[in-house]
Amino acid sequence: MYHLENTQQGEKYNTIFSKEVSAKRRKRDARSRLRSRLLLGLYLFLMILPIYWLINMSLQTNSEILGSMTLWPQNITFDNYTRILTNSSWYMGYVNSLLYVSMNMVITMLVALPAAYAFSRYKFIGDKHLFFWLLTNLMAPPAVFLLPYFQLYYSVGLFDKHIAVALAHCLFNIPLAIWILEGFMSSVPKEIDETAYIDGYSFPKFFVKIFIPMISSGIGVVLFFLFMFSWVELLLARTLTSTNAQPIGMIMTRTSTASGIDWGTLAAAGVLTIVPGILVVYFVRNHIAKGFALGRT
């Protein structure tokens, strides 16, 4: 009887103790979640604040910008955007940038796809050394290649042309594209290639209809990186162009005049520069999400 009472009392204490432990654990988890949300909220605030302030400035006049600091425009104006969209010296900067970025993406993918397939499917003498040599191009800053590119393009008549900037960016983008795509292609079993050949597929038909859809996530990741590099790169684009193919980044550096800097127009140009990047991320967002979890990224 005494032993039974001790057992019941012990079970009662264990139940109380386990409830206390569970309550403490729930409180600790709640504090941890609250701390994580606060940190995430602070991070998002710090990330969004510059973008918001840029949009805020783009909707103000220069006098309001240089006056007292305001959290939102007192008198909203779209004159800054109108000035950019109606002035050819401004909007052609966006056209030029989009042209050579698109050229670079097309050229890079046409070269990188078959090259990455060769590295992933075939073994040949010096393949690893060649693969490493391609990556060494990413280790040098673009400033190293300014003088040879400028002299070469000026001699052959490519200076101040869109294709000149596109080809210059290929020096950095092609190795990056090959490196990423090779990781995705290596994850596809070689038996798929053999099965397609047995079914009567030619290599071009197999590559386009079967293989490329299987690595679409990798292609999305590559396109994202290609666009971002070419869109924000300014040193090569500035050196290899003068008037006809000037990128928007170069034009934005010329807002300083004798009367001062046109802050409103410069802010509006900055907002419009962010828009293409947002659109690219939106259209390839699903591929990027899969691609960062797979392959060599």
Protein backbone atom coordinates (compact mmCIF):
# COMPACT_ATOMS: atom_id res chain seq x y z
CA MET A 1 0.00 0.00 0.00
CA TYR A 2 2.80 2.33 0.92
CA HIS A 3 4.63 1.45 -2.29
CA LEU A 4 1.48 2.18 -4.35
CA GLU A 5 1.07 5.61 -2.75
CA ASN A 6 4.72 6.45 -3.47
CA THR A 7 4.30 5.40 -7.09
CA GLN A 8 1.17 7.53 -7.54
CA GLN A 9 2.82 10.50 -5.87
CA GLY A 10 5.92 10.06 -8.08
CA GLU A 11 3.77 9.96 -11.20
CA LYS A 12 1.99 13.11 -10.01
CA TYR A 13 5.31 14.91 -9.52
CA ASN A 14 6.55 13.71 -12.92
CA THR A 15 3.40 15.01 -14.57
CA ILE A 16 3.75 18.41 -12.87
CA PHE A 17 7.46 18.54 -13.76
CA SER A 18 6.83 17.66 -17.41
CA LYS A 19 4.13 20.36 -17.64
CA GLU A 20 6.52 22.92 -16.19
CA VAL A 21 9.23 21.87 -18.64
CA SER A 22 6.78 22.06 -21.55
CA ALA A 23 5.62 25.51 -20.44
CA LYS A 24 9.21 26.74 -20.18
CA ARG A 25 10.01 25.26 -23.59
CA ARG A 26 6.99 26.97 -25.15
CA LYS A 27 8.00 30.29 -23.62
CA ARG A 28 11.57 29.85 -24.87
CA ASP A 29 10.34 28.95 -28.36
CA ALA A 30 7.99 31.94 -28.36
CA ARG A 31 10.84 34.28 -27.38
CA SER A 32 13.04 32.74 -30.06
CA ARG A 33 10.36 33.22 -32.73
CA LEU A 34 9.79 36.80 -31.61
CA ARG A 35 13.51 37.51 -31.73
CA SER A 36 13.78 36.01 -35.22
CA ARG A 37 10.83 38.04 -36.48
CA LEU A 38 12.27 41.24 -35.03
CA LEU A 39 15.64 40.60 -36.66
CA LEU A 40 13.98 39.73 -39.97
CA GLY A 41 11.82 42.85 -39.77
CA LEU A 42 14.88 45.00 -39.05
CA TYR A 43 16.75 43.44 -41.95
CA LEU A 44 13.85 44.03 -44.37
CA PHE A 45 13.49 47.59 -43.12
CA LEU A 46 17.17 48.34 -43.73
CA MET A 47 16.96 46.74 -47.19
CA ILE A 48 13.79 48.54 -48.27
CA LEU A 49 14.63 51.95 -46.79
CA PRO A 50 17.13 53.02 -49.52
CA ILE A 51 14.73 51.93 -52.26
CA TYR A 52 11.85 53.79 -50.63
CA TRP A 53 14.00 56.89 -50.21
CA LEU A 54 15.02 56.72 -53.87
CA ILE A 55 11.37 56.55 -54.95
CA ASN A 56 10.56 59.35 -52.53
CA MET A 57 13.24 61.60 -54.05
CA SER A 58 12.16 60.77 -57.59
CA LEU A 59 8.71 62.24 -56.88
CA GLN A 60 10.06 65.53 -55.48
CA THR A 61 11.46 68.67 -56.99
CA ASN A 62 15.08 69.65 -56.43
CA SER A 63 14.08 72.47 -54.10
CA GLU A 64 12.10 70.08 -51.92
CA ILE A 65 14.91 67.54 -51.93
CA LEU A 66 17.47 70.13 -50.86
CA GLY A 67 15.07 71.63 -48.31
CA SER A 68 13.82 70.02 -45.14
CA MET A 69 13.81 66.22 -44.95
CA THR A 70 10.36 64.69 -45.49
CA LEU A 71 9.26 61.09 -45.23
CA TRP A 72 6.99 61.46 -48.28
CA PRO A 73 6.63 64.05 -51.06
CA GLN A 74 4.71 67.16 -50.07
CA ASN A 75 3.87 67.95 -53.70
CA ILE A 76 4.13 64.84 -55.87
CA THR A 77 5.54 65.49 -59.33
CA PHE A 78 6.25 63.14 -62.24
CA ASP A 79 8.33 65.69 -64.15
CA ASN A 80 11.52 63.75 -63.43
CA TYR A 81 10.15 60.62 -65.10
CA THR A 82 8.70 62.66 -67.97
CA ARG A 83 12.10 64.24 -68.57
CA ILE A 84 13.75 60.82 -68.84
CA LEU A 85 11.09 59.16 -71.00
CA THR A 86 10.88 62.07 -73.46
CA ASN A 87 14.58 62.89 -73.75
CA SER A 88 16.44 60.61 -76.16
CA SER A 89 19.76 61.21 -74.42
CA TRP A 90 18.20 59.55 -71.34
CA TYR A 91 15.96 56.75 -72.58
CA MET A 92 18.47 55.60 -75.21
CA GLY A 93 20.77 54.75 -72.32
CA TYR A 94 18.27 52.11 -71.21
CA VAL A 95 17.87 50.87 -74.78
CA ASN A 96 21.64 50.57 -75.21
CA SER A 97 22.04 48.72 -71.92
CA LEU A 98 19.24 46.27 -72.74
CA LEU A 99 20.67 45.66 -76.21
CA TYR A 100 24.16 44.66 -75.16
CA VAL A 101 22.88 42.75 -72.13
CA SER A 102 20.54 40.72 -74.37
CA MET A 103 23.34 40.10 -76.89
CA ASN A 104 25.63 38.93 -74.13
CA MET A 105 23.04 36.53 -72.71
CA VAL A 106 22.35 34.97 -76.12
CA ILE A 107 26.05 34.59 -77.04
CA THR A 108 26.95 33.23 -73.62
CA MET A 109 24.20 30.60 -73.62
CA LEU A 110 25.03 29.47 -77.18
CA VAL A 111 28.64 28.88 -76.14
CA ALA A 112 28.15 27.70 -72.55
CA LEU A 113 25.47 25.04 -73.14
CA PRO A 114 27.50 22.77 -75.49
CA ALA A 115 30.73 23.47 -73.58
CA ALA A 116 29.17 22.52 -70.24
CA TYR A 117 27.69 19.37 -71.83
CA ALA A 118 31.14 18.37 -73.07
CA PHE A 119 32.69 18.86 -69.63
CA SER A 120 29.92 16.89 -67.94
CA ARG A 121 29.73 13.96 -70.38
CA TYR A 122 33.23 13.44 -71.82
CA LYS A 123 36.68 12.89 -70.38
CA PHE A 124 39.66 14.16 -72.34
CA ILE A 125 43.27 15.08 -71.71
CA GLY A 126 43.56 18.28 -69.69
CA ASP A 127 39.81 18.62 -69.10
CA LYS A 128 40.21 19.56 -65.43
CA HIS A 129 43.05 21.98 -66.23
CA LEU A 130 40.96 23.63 -68.95
CA PHE A 131 37.99 23.86 -66.60
CA PHE A 132 40.16 25.54 -63.96
CA TRP A 133 41.67 27.88 -66.57
CA LEU A 134 38.20 29.07 -67.51
CA LEU A 135 37.50 29.95 -63.88
CA THR A 136 40.71 31.99 -63.62
CA ASN A 137 39.10 34.61 -65.86
CA LEU A 138 36.71 35.35 -62.99
CA MET A 139 39.62 36.06 -60.66
CA ALA A 140 40.86 39.12 -62.55
CA PRO A 141 39.10 42.51 -62.25
CA PRO A 142 37.65 44.00 -65.44
CA ALA A 143 40.15 46.90 -65.24
CA VAL A 144 42.93 44.49 -66.25
CA PHE A 145 41.38 44.02 -69.70
CA LEU A 146 40.51 47.65 -70.41
CA LEU A 147 43.59 48.57 -72.44
CA PRO A 148 43.76 45.46 -74.67
CA TYR A 149 40.02 45.54 -75.33
CA PHE A 150 40.05 49.25 -76.15
CA GLN A 151 43.00 48.94 -78.55
CA LEU A 152 41.62 45.81 -80.20
CA TYR A 153 38.09 47.11 -80.71
CA TYR A 154 39.30 50.50 -81.89
CA SER A 155 41.54 48.81 -84.48
CA VAL A 156 38.84 46.54 -85.92
CA GLY A 157 36.07 49.16 -85.85
CA LEU A 158 34.00 47.75 -82.98
CA PHE A 159 34.47 50.70 -80.66
CA ASP A 160 31.20 52.32 -79.50
CA LYS A 161 29.09 49.39 -80.68
CA HIS A 162 26.75 47.23 -78.61
CA ILE A 163 28.39 44.00 -79.70
CA ALA A 164 31.72 45.25 -78.34
CA VAL A 165 30.42 45.44 -74.76
CA ALA A 166 28.55 42.15 -75.16
CA LEU A 167 31.71 40.33 -76.28
CA ALA A 168 33.77 41.92 -73.51
CA HIS A 169 31.32 40.70 -70.88
CA CYS A 170 31.50 37.20 -72.36
CA LEU A 171 35.04 36.91 -70.98
CA PHE A 172 33.54 36.79 -67.47
CA ASN A 173 30.07 35.40 -68.12
CA ILE A 174 30.94 32.35 -70.23
CA PRO A 175 33.18 30.71 -67.58
CA LEU A 176 30.56 31.40 -64.91
CA ALA A 177 27.80 29.93 -67.08
CA ILE A 178 29.86 26.82 -67.90
CA TRP A 179 30.70 26.29 -64.23
CA ILE A 180 27.07 26.46 -63.10
CA LEU A 181 25.60 24.48 -66.00
CA GLU A 182 28.18 21.71 -65.70
CA GLY A 183 26.98 21.03 -62.17
CA PHE A 184 23.37 20.72 -63.29
CA MET A 185 24.21 18.58 -66.31
CA SER A 186 26.35 16.21 -64.24
CA SER A 187 23.33 15.54 -62.02
CA VAL A 188 21.39 14.19 -65.03
CA PRO A 189 22.09 10.43 -65.49
CA LYS A 190 23.95 9.48 -68.66
CA GLU A 191 21.44 6.68 -69.22
CA ILE A 192 18.97 9.31 -70.45
CA ASP A 193 21.32 10.18 -73.32
CA GLU A 194 21.71 6.53 -74.27
CA THR A 195 17.97 5.89 -74.08
CA ALA A 196 17.26 8.86 -76.35
CA TYR A 197 19.78 7.61 -78.93
CA ILE A 198 18.19 4.14 -78.88
CA ASP A 199 14.78 5.75 -79.47
CA GLY A 200 16.15 7.39 -82.61
CA TYR A 201 16.75 10.93 -81.40
CA SER A 202 19.53 12.85 -83.10
CA PHE A 203 21.80 14.81 -80.79
CA PRO A 204 20.37 18.29 -81.62
CA LYS A 205 16.81 17.03 -81.20
CA PHE A 206 17.66 15.26 -77.94
CA PHE A 207 19.55 18.27 -76.61
CA VAL A 208 16.78 20.78 -77.36
CA LYS A 209 13.65 18.74 -76.62
CA ILE A 210 14.78 16.52 -73.74
CA PHE A 211 18.00 17.67 -72.13
CA ILE A 212 17.48 21.44 -71.93
CA PRO A 213 14.03 21.15 -70.23
CA MET A 214 15.63 18.89 -67.62
CA ILE A 215 18.15 21.60 -66.65
CA SER A 216 15.75 24.54 -66.95
CA SER A 217 16.37 25.51 -63.33
CA GLY A 218 20.08 25.78 -64.00
CA ILE A 219 19.45 27.88 -67.10
CA GLY A 220 17.26 30.20 -65.03
CA VAL A 221 20.03 30.66 -62.47
CA VAL A 222 22.58 31.33 -65.22
CA LEU A 223 20.37 33.91 -66.94
CA PHE A 224 19.89 35.65 -63.61
CA PHE A 225 23.65 35.96 -63.03
CA LEU A 226 24.35 36.94 -66.64
CA PHE A 227 21.83 39.74 -66.55
CA MET A 228 22.98 41.05 -63.19
CA PHE A 229 26.65 41.17 -64.17
CA SER A 230 26.11 42.87 -67.53
CA TRP A 231 23.46 45.25 -66.23
CA VAL A 232 25.50 46.65 -63.34
CA GLU A 233 28.98 46.45 -64.90
CA LEU A 234 30.11 49.97 -65.80
CA LEU A 235 33.88 50.02 -66.24
CA LEU A 236 34.08 48.06 -69.51
CA ALA A 237 30.84 49.52 -70.83
CA ARG A 238 32.07 53.05 -70.15
CA THR A 239 35.49 52.52 -71.73
CA LEU A 240 34.31 50.74 -74.89
CA THR A 241 31.53 53.24 -75.73
CA SER A 242 31.33 56.98 -76.30
CA THR A 243 27.99 58.16 -77.73
CA ASN A 244 26.07 55.59 -79.78
CA ALA A 245 26.12 52.73 -77.28
CA GLN A 246 26.43 54.52 -73.94
CA PRO A 247 24.81 52.61 -71.06
CA ILE A 248 22.43 54.25 -68.62
CA GLY A 249 25.02 54.03 -65.84
CA MET A 250 27.33 56.28 -67.81
CA ILE A 251 24.58 58.79 -68.55
CA MET A 252 23.63 58.95 -64.86
CA THR A 253 27.13 60.21 -64.03
CA ARG A 254 26.56 63.28 -66.19
CA THR A 255 23.74 64.90 -64.22
CA SER A 256 26.11 67.43 -62.66
CA THR A 257 25.86 70.84 -64.33
CA ALA A 258 26.90 74.39 -63.55
CA SER A 259 23.69 74.86 -61.56
CA GLY A 260 24.34 71.73 -59.49
CA ILE A 261 23.20 68.12 -59.53
CA ASP A 262 19.70 67.33 -60.77
CA TRP A 263 18.82 65.09 -57.82
CA GLY A 264 15.22 64.42 -58.86
CA THR A 265 16.10 63.25 -62.35
CA LEU A 266 18.98 61.17 -61.02
CA ALA A 267 16.66 59.48 -58.51
CA ALA A 268 14.05 58.77 -61.19
CA ALA A 269 16.74 57.25 -63.40
CA GLY A 270 17.80 55.06 -60.50
CA VAL A 271 14.24 53.80 -60.00
CA LEU A 272 13.90 52.96 -63.70
CA THR A 273 17.26 51.16 -63.56
CA ILE A 274 15.97 48.85 -60.82
CA VAL A 275 12.81 47.89 -62.75
CA PRO A 276 14.45 45.55 -65.34
CA GLY A 277 16.18 43.62 -62.56
CA ILE A 278 12.88 43.20 -60.72
CA LEU A 279 11.22 41.92 -63.91
CA VAL A 280 14.01 39.40 -64.55
CA VAL A 281 13.81 38.07 -60.99
CA TYR A 282 10.01 37.84 -61.27
CA PHE A 283 10.05 35.76 -64.46
CA VAL A 284 12.80 33.35 -63.37
CA ARG A 285 11.94 33.25 -59.66
CA ASN A 286 10.78 29.62 -59.75
CA HIS A 287 13.92 28.48 -61.55
CA ILE A 288 16.12 30.47 -59.17
CA ALA A 289 14.47 28.91 -56.12
CA LYS A 290 15.10 25.40 -57.49
CA GLY A 291 18.50 26.26 -58.87
CA PHE A 292 19.98 27.51 -55.60
CA ALA A 293 19.00 24.20 -54.01
CA LEU A 294 20.49 22.07 -56.80
CA GLY A 295 23.52 22.05 -59.01
CA ARG A 296 26.77 23.96 -58.59
CA THR A 297 25.76 27.43 -57.28
